[in-house]
Amino acid sequence: MSEIAVQPTVLDVGAEQLGKIYARALLGASEAEGSTDQVIDQLNQLCDQGLAGSQSLRLAFASPQIDADEKCRVLDRLLDDAHPTLVRFLKVMAKRHRLGYVVAVRDSVTALYDEMTGRLLAEVRTAVPLTDSLRSEVTDQLGQRFGKQVRLHEVVDPALIGGMVVRVGDTVFDSSVASRLDKIGRAASAGFAHHLIANSTRFTSAT
């Protein structure tokens, strides 16, 4: 496949706008070969595991002191099992000195793809990783409430101590308040997600 075409920009636009420009290019390339789901999954892993867990890697991606060729070699070592389309795309970003914006690109890619496929993104923040059964229940209940296929973005936040926070757009369903902590253990096995969504008006709405 030829190099992914990204229109050059004269000015250094904001991260969100630049993310959308590159996101459209990546979606166009991956859709043409039917690899979008795989590419997005691997891009999420790079951002949520690789970059989130390594400050040195984040600094290397963004550093103007590290030349593009060296960044491309880092990508080859880091993504030796990744889809070739994703690797080529990231090398284009490196050569255009835009690799520091990769998280903004990921955010735009997932948002655009959700819009294209009619999926709803829900962030689920818990003190410990979700079990398969609770994940399924949260997905089903949100899908029934909003009438859309739901994609969960799971975040483990030990600071919650217990409970769960579900964010859909600007609305937050918050079950982590202190008055509910003593009910968390029983709630998970007794249809916690159903209780959470069914009683959403009792929880916090954030804008």
Foldseek 3Di string as FASTA:
>chain_A
DDQQDQDDDPDDDDLLVVLLRLLVSLCVVCVVVVNLVQLLVVLCCCVVPVCVVDVVVLCQQQDPVDALVVVLVVLCVVPVPGDPSNSSSLSVCSNVSNSNSSVSNSVNNVVVVCVVQVEFEKEKEFQDDDDPVLVVLLQVLVCVVVVTRYDYDYHHDNVLVGDMWMDTPQFIQGQSDPVNRVVRVVLSVVSVSNVSSVPSVVGDGGD
